[in-house]
N, C-alpha and C. Protein backbone atom coordinates (compact mmCIF):
# COMPACT_ATOMS: atom_id res chain seq x y z
N UNK A 1 134.64 69.68 -73.00
CA UNK A 1 133.63 69.71 -72.33
C UNK A 1 133.77 70.30 -70.85
N UNK A 2 133.11 71.36 -70.49
CA UNK A 2 133.08 71.82 -69.17
C UNK A 2 132.87 71.22 -67.98
N UNK A 3 133.80 70.52 -67.09
CA UNK A 3 133.15 70.32 -66.13
C UNK A 3 132.13 70.84 -65.16
N UNK A 4 132.43 71.92 -64.97
CA UNK A 4 131.30 72.93 -64.11
C UNK A 4 130.00 72.49 -64.66
N UNK A 5 129.76 72.60 -66.19
CA UNK A 5 128.52 72.56 -66.78
C UNK A 5 127.90 71.13 -66.62
N UNK A 6 128.99 70.17 -66.92
CA UNK A 6 128.29 68.67 -66.60
C UNK A 6 128.18 67.82 -65.63
N UNK A 7 129.05 68.37 -64.64
CA UNK A 7 128.87 67.75 -63.48
C UNK A 7 129.23 68.27 -61.85
N UNK A 8 129.89 69.33 -61.96
CA UNK A 8 129.99 70.02 -60.91
C UNK A 8 128.38 70.27 -60.32
N UNK A 9 127.43 70.66 -60.68
CA UNK A 9 126.79 70.76 -60.16
C UNK A 9 125.98 69.94 -59.32
N UNK A 10 126.15 68.18 -59.47
CA UNK A 10 125.92 67.39 -59.28
C UNK A 10 126.47 66.87 -57.94
N UNK A 11 128.03 67.66 -57.89
CA UNK A 11 128.76 66.89 -57.13
C UNK A 11 128.56 66.80 -55.27
N UNK A 12 127.85 67.78 -55.21
CA UNK A 12 127.57 68.05 -53.41
C UNK A 12 125.98 67.86 -53.24
N UNK A 13 125.45 67.24 -54.31
CA UNK A 13 123.82 66.82 -54.70
C UNK A 13 123.63 66.26 -53.25
N UNK A 14 124.36 65.17 -52.82
CA UNK A 14 123.90 64.36 -51.31
C UNK A 14 124.85 64.44 -50.27
N UNK A 15 125.29 65.84 -50.17
CA UNK A 15 126.22 65.82 -49.15
C UNK A 15 125.29 66.18 -47.81
N UNK A 16 125.18 64.99 -47.39
CA UNK A 16 124.61 64.97 -46.01
C UNK A 16 125.64 64.58 -45.03
N UNK A 17 126.19 65.11 -43.77
CA UNK A 17 127.16 64.92 -42.78
C UNK A 17 126.62 64.89 -41.62
N UNK A 18 127.16 64.14 -40.87
CA UNK A 18 126.91 64.22 -39.19
C UNK A 18 128.37 64.64 -38.91
N UNK A 19 128.32 65.69 -38.01
CA UNK A 19 129.58 66.52 -37.37
C UNK A 19 129.78 66.08 -35.92
N UNK A 20 130.84 65.86 -35.45
CA UNK A 20 130.99 65.78 -34.08
C UNK A 20 131.63 67.28 -33.66
N UNK A 21 130.83 67.64 -32.39
CA UNK A 21 131.43 69.24 -32.04
C UNK A 21 132.58 69.29 -31.22
N UNK A 22 133.37 70.26 -31.65
CA UNK A 22 134.45 71.08 -30.73
C UNK A 22 134.85 72.29 -30.74
N UNK A 23 134.13 73.04 -29.74
CA UNK A 23 133.82 73.99 -29.36
C UNK A 23 132.73 74.81 -30.57
N UNK A 24 133.13 75.68 -31.43
CA UNK A 24 132.17 76.22 -32.43
C UNK A 24 132.55 75.53 -33.86
N UNK A 25 133.81 74.86 -33.85
CA UNK A 25 134.19 74.54 -34.91
C UNK A 25 133.85 72.95 -34.83
N UNK A 26 133.17 72.47 -35.92
CA UNK A 26 132.84 71.02 -35.97
C UNK A 26 133.41 70.25 -37.13
N UNK A 27 133.96 69.03 -36.98
CA UNK A 27 134.50 68.28 -38.12
C UNK A 27 133.69 67.26 -38.58
N UNK A 28 134.03 66.78 -39.44
CA UNK A 28 132.97 65.84 -40.49
C UNK A 28 133.53 64.42 -39.80
N UNK A 29 132.24 63.87 -39.27
CA UNK A 29 132.62 62.74 -38.89
C UNK A 29 132.27 61.54 -40.13
N UNK A 30 133.37 61.39 -40.56
CA UNK A 30 133.38 60.01 -41.89
C UNK A 30 132.47 59.01 -42.34
N UNK A 31 132.32 58.46 -40.69
CA UNK A 31 131.74 57.11 -40.58
C UNK A 31 130.08 57.23 -40.63
N UNK A 32 129.64 58.75 -40.64
CA UNK A 32 128.57 58.77 -40.82
C UNK A 32 128.33 59.86 -41.49
N UNK A 33 128.82 59.85 -42.55
CA UNK A 33 128.91 61.34 -43.93
C UNK A 33 128.85 60.41 -45.10
N UNK A 34 128.74 61.03 -46.04
CA UNK A 34 128.53 61.04 -47.50
C UNK A 34 128.29 62.22 -48.19
N UNK A 35 129.48 62.20 -49.50
CA UNK A 35 129.67 63.27 -50.42
C UNK A 35 129.28 62.52 -51.83
N UNK A 36 128.14 62.38 -51.74
CA UNK A 36 127.68 61.55 -53.07
C UNK A 36 127.45 62.63 -54.39
N UNK A 37 126.96 62.12 -55.73
CA UNK A 37 126.47 62.72 -56.50
C UNK A 37 125.37 61.86 -57.47
N UNK A 38 124.58 62.79 -58.18
CA UNK A 38 124.19 62.09 -59.11
C UNK A 38 124.09 62.92 -60.73
N UNK A 39 124.21 62.15 -61.60
CA UNK A 39 124.72 62.60 -63.09
C UNK A 39 123.76 62.07 -64.27
N UNK A 40 123.05 62.96 -64.59
CA UNK A 40 122.09 62.39 -66.12
C UNK A 40 123.62 61.99 -66.84
N UNK A 41 123.27 60.63 -67.43
CA UNK A 41 124.19 59.93 -68.49
C UNK A 41 123.64 60.07 -70.19
N UNK A 42 124.13 60.45 -71.01
CA UNK A 42 123.50 60.34 -72.15
C UNK A 42 122.11 60.82 -72.10
N UNK A 43 121.39 61.52 -71.26
CA UNK A 43 120.15 61.97 -70.93
C UNK A 43 119.22 60.66 -70.89
N UNK A 44 120.06 59.27 -70.57
CA UNK A 44 119.08 58.45 -70.92
C UNK A 44 119.26 57.75 -69.15
N UNK A 45 120.26 57.47 -68.46
CA UNK A 45 120.07 57.04 -67.19
C UNK A 45 120.73 57.86 -66.38
N UNK A 46 120.69 57.66 -64.97
CA UNK A 46 121.31 58.75 -63.76
C UNK A 46 122.41 58.00 -63.19
N UNK A 47 123.57 58.24 -63.23
CA UNK A 47 124.72 57.74 -62.55
C UNK A 47 124.86 58.28 -61.50
N UNK A 48 124.90 57.42 -60.24
CA UNK A 48 125.26 57.80 -58.97
C UNK A 48 126.61 57.01 -58.53
N UNK A 49 127.25 58.09 -57.67
CA UNK A 49 128.40 57.82 -57.28
C UNK A 49 129.01 58.73 -55.60
N UNK A 50 129.86 58.49 -55.48
CA UNK A 50 130.41 59.15 -54.11
C UNK A 50 132.21 59.41 -54.21
N UNK A 51 132.70 60.28 -53.24
CA UNK A 51 133.95 60.46 -53.22
C UNK A 51 134.18 59.94 -51.76
N UNK A 52 135.06 58.93 -51.62
CA UNK A 52 135.61 58.16 -50.47
C UNK A 52 136.49 58.77 -49.15
N UNK A 53 137.22 59.78 -50.18
CA UNK A 53 138.40 60.73 -49.22
C UNK A 53 138.08 61.99 -49.33
N UNK A 54 137.80 62.94 -48.01
CA UNK A 54 137.65 63.85 -47.99
C UNK A 54 137.56 64.67 -46.48
N UNK A 55 137.83 65.80 -46.29
CA UNK A 55 138.07 66.58 -45.13
C UNK A 55 137.10 67.50 -45.25
N UNK A 56 136.41 68.23 -44.29
CA UNK A 56 135.63 69.17 -44.19
C UNK A 56 135.33 69.41 -42.73
N UNK A 57 135.08 70.63 -42.51
CA UNK A 57 134.90 71.46 -41.14
C UNK A 57 133.62 72.47 -41.42
N UNK A 58 132.86 72.66 -40.27
CA UNK A 58 131.87 73.66 -40.30
C UNK A 58 131.93 74.21 -38.96
N UNK A 59 131.56 75.68 -39.20
CA UNK A 59 131.88 76.54 -38.23
C UNK A 59 130.26 77.09 -37.81
N UNK A 60 129.60 76.55 -36.73
CA UNK A 60 128.18 77.23 -36.64
C UNK A 60 127.90 77.84 -35.39
N UNK A 61 127.06 78.58 -35.21
CA UNK A 61 126.47 79.10 -33.94
C UNK A 61 125.04 78.74 -33.71
N UNK A 62 124.59 77.87 -32.69
CA UNK A 62 123.21 77.73 -32.94
C UNK A 62 122.42 78.97 -32.93
N UNK A 63 123.07 79.96 -32.66
CA UNK A 63 121.98 81.47 -32.12
C UNK A 63 122.06 82.34 -33.17
N UNK A 64 122.89 81.94 -34.17
CA UNK A 64 122.87 82.92 -35.37
C UNK A 64 123.55 82.12 -36.56
N UNK A 65 122.23 81.62 -37.41
CA UNK A 65 122.34 80.87 -38.63
C UNK A 65 123.35 81.57 -39.53
N UNK A 66 123.38 82.65 -39.52
CA UNK A 66 123.80 83.90 -40.87
C UNK A 66 125.88 83.39 -40.64
N UNK A 67 126.06 82.81 -39.51
CA UNK A 67 127.66 82.56 -39.01
C UNK A 67 128.05 81.28 -39.63
N UNK A 68 127.12 80.78 -40.29
CA UNK A 68 127.58 79.49 -40.58
C UNK A 68 128.94 79.32 -41.74
N UNK A 69 129.70 78.69 -41.68
CA UNK A 69 130.74 78.79 -42.38
C UNK A 69 131.23 77.04 -42.87
N UNK A 70 131.52 76.58 -44.07
CA UNK A 70 131.93 75.25 -44.53
C UNK A 70 133.11 75.23 -45.58
N UNK A 71 133.94 74.75 -44.78
CA UNK A 71 135.15 74.48 -45.81
C UNK A 71 135.41 72.75 -45.88
N UNK A 72 135.72 72.62 -47.43
CA UNK A 72 135.71 70.79 -47.58
C UNK A 72 136.76 70.74 -48.76
N UNK A 73 137.55 69.51 -48.61
CA UNK A 73 138.47 69.40 -49.64
C UNK A 73 138.14 67.69 -49.97
N UNK A 74 137.63 67.48 -51.21
CA UNK A 74 137.23 66.05 -51.82
C UNK A 74 138.72 65.98 -52.48
N UNK A 75 139.04 64.54 -52.56
CA UNK A 75 139.92 63.92 -53.25
C UNK A 75 139.54 63.39 -54.33
N UNK A 76 139.78 63.70 -55.46
CA UNK A 76 139.52 63.32 -56.86
C UNK A 76 139.74 61.90 -57.07
N UNK A 77 140.58 61.60 -56.80
CA UNK A 77 140.85 60.23 -57.23
C UNK A 77 139.87 59.00 -56.43
N UNK A 78 139.32 59.25 -55.27
CA UNK A 78 138.40 58.66 -54.65
C UNK A 78 137.13 58.58 -55.00
N UNK A 79 137.08 58.69 -56.19
CA UNK A 79 135.75 58.68 -56.92
C UNK A 79 135.24 57.44 -57.19
N UNK A 80 133.83 57.11 -56.91
CA UNK A 80 133.48 55.80 -56.76
C UNK A 80 132.17 55.63 -57.86
N UNK A 81 132.11 55.20 -58.84
CA UNK A 81 130.73 54.98 -59.47
C UNK A 81 130.12 53.63 -59.35
N UNK A 82 130.87 52.69 -58.96
CA UNK A 82 130.77 51.32 -58.95
C UNK A 82 131.45 50.39 -60.63
N UNK A 83 131.88 51.52 -61.14
CA UNK A 83 132.32 50.92 -62.54
C UNK A 83 133.35 51.37 -62.64
N UNK A 84 134.89 50.30 -62.55
CA UNK A 84 136.36 50.87 -62.87
C UNK A 84 136.48 51.58 -64.00
N UNK A 85 136.51 51.39 -65.09
CA UNK A 85 136.21 51.91 -66.21
C UNK A 85 136.15 53.60 -66.52
N UNK A 86 134.55 53.63 -65.82
CA UNK A 86 134.07 54.82 -65.66
C UNK A 86 134.79 55.84 -64.91
N UNK A 87 134.88 54.94 -63.71
CA UNK A 87 135.94 56.10 -62.81
C UNK A 87 137.01 56.26 -63.09
N UNK A 88 137.80 55.62 -64.07
CA UNK A 88 139.35 56.18 -64.56
C UNK A 88 139.07 56.82 -65.46
N UNK A 89 137.77 57.03 -66.59
CA UNK A 89 137.51 58.22 -67.15
C UNK A 89 137.18 59.21 -66.58
N UNK A 90 136.70 59.30 -65.55
CA UNK A 90 136.34 60.24 -64.71
C UNK A 90 137.57 60.90 -64.23
N UNK A 91 138.69 60.05 -63.53
CA UNK A 91 140.17 60.70 -63.23
C UNK A 91 140.80 61.50 -64.39
N UNK A 92 140.65 60.91 -65.64
CA UNK A 92 141.41 61.42 -66.50
C UNK A 92 141.41 63.21 -66.94
N UNK A 93 142.30 63.52 -67.54
CA UNK A 93 142.03 64.61 -68.34
C UNK A 93 141.04 65.18 -68.68
N UNK A 94 140.16 64.29 -69.77
CA UNK A 94 138.77 64.14 -70.05
C UNK A 94 137.62 64.90 -69.07
N UNK A 95 137.82 64.67 -68.07
CA UNK A 95 136.68 65.43 -66.97
C UNK A 95 137.90 66.01 -65.50
N UNK A 96 138.14 65.47 -64.69
CA UNK A 96 138.53 65.80 -63.66
C UNK A 96 140.18 66.21 -63.53
N UNK A 97 140.90 65.28 -64.16
CA UNK A 97 142.03 65.45 -64.72
C UNK A 97 142.92 65.42 -62.88
N UNK A 98 142.42 64.15 -62.36
CA UNK A 98 142.92 64.08 -60.99
C UNK A 98 144.48 64.27 -61.05
N UNK A 99 145.22 63.54 -61.80
CA UNK A 99 146.60 63.84 -61.87
C UNK A 99 147.46 65.09 -61.46
N UNK A 100 146.63 66.11 -62.29
CA UNK A 100 147.24 67.69 -62.11
C UNK A 100 146.38 68.48 -61.18
N UNK A 101 144.95 68.05 -60.75
CA UNK A 101 144.19 68.91 -59.88
C UNK A 101 143.72 67.37 -58.72
N UNK A 102 144.17 66.96 -57.99
CA UNK A 102 143.76 66.24 -57.06
C UNK A 102 142.71 66.39 -56.32
N UNK A 103 142.48 67.87 -55.83
CA UNK A 103 141.28 68.19 -55.31
C UNK A 103 140.43 69.03 -55.47
N UNK A 104 139.03 68.86 -55.06
CA UNK A 104 138.13 69.34 -55.34
C UNK A 104 137.87 70.35 -53.98
N UNK A 105 137.72 71.91 -54.10
CA UNK A 105 137.42 72.52 -52.44
C UNK A 105 136.37 73.38 -52.66
N UNK A 106 135.73 73.57 -51.72
CA UNK A 106 134.51 74.46 -51.34
C UNK A 106 134.71 75.39 -50.13
N UNK A 107 134.42 76.62 -50.23
CA UNK A 107 135.09 77.44 -49.09
C UNK A 107 133.88 78.21 -48.96
N UNK A 108 132.73 78.70 -47.86
CA UNK A 108 132.06 79.62 -48.29
C UNK A 108 131.85 80.87 -47.61
N UNK A 109 131.26 81.74 -48.27
CA UNK A 109 131.43 83.22 -48.12
C UNK A 109 130.50 83.85 -47.55
N UNK A 110 129.16 83.25 -47.64
CA UNK A 110 128.17 83.53 -46.59
C UNK A 110 127.28 82.52 -46.61
N UNK A 111 126.26 82.85 -45.68
CA UNK A 111 124.90 81.87 -45.37
C UNK A 111 123.86 83.20 -44.94
N UNK A 112 122.95 82.62 -45.49
CA UNK A 112 121.62 82.77 -45.34
C UNK A 112 120.34 82.05 -44.74
N UNK A 113 119.97 82.70 -43.27
CA UNK A 113 118.60 81.53 -42.83
C UNK A 113 117.43 81.90 -43.92
N UNK A 114 116.58 80.77 -44.36
CA UNK A 114 115.88 81.09 -45.26
C UNK A 114 113.85 80.69 -44.21
N UNK A 115 114.34 80.30 -42.99
CA UNK A 115 113.21 79.84 -42.33
C UNK A 115 112.65 78.44 -42.56
N UNK A 116 112.07 77.85 -41.40
CA UNK A 116 111.70 76.57 -41.39
C UNK A 116 112.64 75.44 -41.60
N UNK A 117 114.37 76.34 -40.85
CA UNK A 117 115.14 75.31 -40.79
C UNK A 117 116.09 75.30 -42.40
N UNK A 118 115.51 75.92 -42.98
CA UNK A 118 116.26 75.86 -44.28
C UNK A 118 117.32 77.11 -44.53
N UNK A 119 118.44 76.92 -45.24
CA UNK A 119 119.14 78.07 -45.48
C UNK A 119 120.09 78.16 -46.65
N UNK A 120 120.82 79.04 -47.22
CA UNK A 120 121.47 78.89 -48.30
C UNK A 120 122.90 79.01 -47.83
N UNK A 121 124.10 78.27 -48.50
CA UNK A 121 125.34 78.71 -48.08
C UNK A 121 125.95 79.01 -49.55
N UNK A 122 126.65 80.19 -49.72
CA UNK A 122 127.37 80.74 -51.01
C UNK A 122 128.62 80.78 -50.98
N UNK A 123 129.23 80.12 -51.38
CA UNK A 123 131.13 79.83 -51.66
C UNK A 123 131.68 79.85 -52.68
N UNK A 124 132.75 79.58 -52.74
CA UNK A 124 133.43 79.11 -53.96
C UNK A 124 134.12 77.78 -54.11
N UNK A 125 133.27 76.92 -55.09
CA UNK A 125 133.80 75.69 -55.37
C UNK A 125 134.80 75.76 -56.33
N UNK A 126 136.16 75.00 -56.35
CA UNK A 126 136.82 75.22 -57.12
C UNK A 126 137.28 73.49 -57.41
N UNK A 127 137.20 73.29 -59.12
CA UNK A 127 137.16 72.01 -59.74
C UNK A 127 138.31 72.08 -60.69
N UNK A 128 139.09 71.39 -61.05
CA UNK A 128 140.50 71.53 -61.87
C UNK A 128 141.11 72.99 -62.12
N UNK A 129 141.23 73.52 -61.23
CA UNK A 129 142.07 74.77 -60.70
C UNK A 129 141.02 76.17 -61.37
N UNK A 130 140.02 75.86 -61.43
CA UNK A 130 139.13 76.75 -61.64
C UNK A 130 137.83 76.89 -60.82
N UNK A 131 137.48 78.24 -60.56
CA UNK A 131 136.85 78.57 -58.88
C UNK A 131 135.63 79.12 -59.64
N UNK A 132 134.11 78.89 -59.25
CA UNK A 132 133.43 79.34 -59.53
C UNK A 132 132.52 79.52 -58.42
N UNK A 133 131.85 80.67 -58.16
CA UNK A 133 130.77 80.82 -56.81
C UNK A 133 129.37 80.02 -57.30
N UNK A 134 128.86 79.49 -56.18
CA UNK A 134 128.11 78.36 -56.30
C UNK A 134 127.46 78.70 -54.70
N UNK A 135 126.00 78.70 -54.89
CA UNK A 135 125.01 78.70 -53.66
C UNK A 135 124.35 76.94 -53.62
N UNK A 136 124.62 76.88 -52.09
CA UNK A 136 123.73 75.26 -51.82
C UNK A 136 122.85 75.64 -50.92
N UNK A 137 121.67 75.14 -51.42
CA UNK A 137 120.75 75.20 -50.30
C UNK A 137 120.95 73.88 -49.53
N UNK A 138 120.39 74.36 -48.16
CA UNK A 138 120.38 73.28 -47.27
C UNK A 138 119.16 73.44 -46.17
N UNK A 139 119.19 72.42 -45.33
CA UNK A 139 118.35 72.11 -44.27
C UNK A 139 118.56 71.32 -43.05
N UNK A 140 118.16 71.77 -41.56
CA UNK A 140 118.61 71.05 -40.96
C UNK A 140 120.05 71.56 -39.67
N UNK A 141 119.81 71.73 -38.94
CA UNK A 141 121.12 71.65 -37.81
C UNK A 141 120.27 71.34 -36.67
N UNK A 142 120.15 69.89 -36.30
CA UNK A 142 119.54 69.63 -35.04
C UNK A 142 120.51 68.90 -34.01
N UNK A 143 120.42 69.31 -33.08
CA UNK A 143 121.69 69.10 -32.18
C UNK A 143 120.93 68.08 -31.03
N UNK A 144 121.70 66.81 -31.02
CA UNK A 144 121.44 65.69 -30.15
C UNK A 144 122.38 65.90 -29.31
N UNK A 145 122.17 65.34 -27.61
CA UNK A 145 122.97 65.02 -26.76
C UNK A 145 122.85 63.60 -26.94
N UNK A 146 124.25 63.54 -26.68
CA UNK A 146 124.68 61.63 -26.82
C UNK A 146 124.66 61.21 -25.40
N UNK A 147 124.91 60.06 -24.88
CA UNK A 147 124.93 59.47 -23.62
C UNK A 147 126.21 59.99 -22.77
N UNK A 148 127.34 60.18 -23.47
CA UNK A 148 128.49 60.78 -22.94
C UNK A 148 128.54 62.04 -22.23
N UNK A 149 127.44 62.68 -23.20
CA UNK A 149 127.55 64.15 -23.09
C UNK A 149 128.20 65.17 -24.22
N UNK A 150 128.66 64.22 -24.98
CA UNK A 150 129.08 64.49 -26.61
C UNK A 150 128.05 65.39 -27.26
N UNK A 151 128.14 66.48 -28.15
CA UNK A 151 126.90 66.90 -28.76
C UNK A 151 127.28 66.45 -30.40
N UNK A 152 126.29 65.94 -30.49
CA UNK A 152 126.60 65.86 -32.32
C UNK A 152 125.38 66.89 -33.18
N UNK A 153 125.50 66.93 -34.51
CA UNK A 153 124.74 67.75 -35.25
C UNK A 153 124.42 66.93 -36.24
N UNK A 154 123.16 67.11 -37.39
CA UNK A 154 123.36 66.76 -38.58
C UNK A 154 123.12 67.90 -39.56
N UNK A 155 123.94 67.95 -40.74
CA UNK A 155 123.57 69.02 -41.47
C UNK A 155 123.38 68.55 -43.07
N UNK A 156 122.32 69.04 -43.58
CA UNK A 156 121.79 68.51 -44.61
C UNK A 156 122.27 69.30 -45.76
N UNK A 157 122.70 69.26 -46.72
CA UNK A 157 122.61 70.24 -48.07
C UNK A 157 122.86 69.82 -49.28
N UNK A 158 121.48 69.19 -49.68
CA UNK A 158 120.87 68.38 -50.75
C UNK A 158 121.23 68.94 -52.02
N UNK A 159 121.08 69.96 -52.21
CA UNK A 159 120.66 70.47 -53.49
C UNK A 159 122.09 71.98 -53.75
N UNK A 160 122.23 72.13 -54.67
CA UNK A 160 123.24 73.53 -55.30
C UNK A 160 122.09 74.27 -55.76
């Protein structure tokens, strides 16, 4: 079974993050972030889950949305679907093979503004040592000033 065909298209489905600014590089604030997914199971039900451990950074220029870049590493072993037996099976060689391929990565190559706050990010998604180009559709980058003057932003990347 191809992991790319059966699950990778849903892996970043609910990639909604809040990031704290540091110059033009923004680092994911994991306390306000989620990397989740949903996958049809045997065409009967939809399984939802998430990855608890990941790192990601975003480079963004408010004036040039095409300058957006994203890099993320997701620890496969941190998968959680709320069913231990299923999680263990997903970590096994039948699916992600976490023992031999502990990380899933995404590195963007280009971004394109679509208007109305929507954009696309194209990049390389690597699962089980296999890299394929995918395009993520997203929306938003709304900057908000915090009480202490810190700048925060929300980036939504809800679909592949």
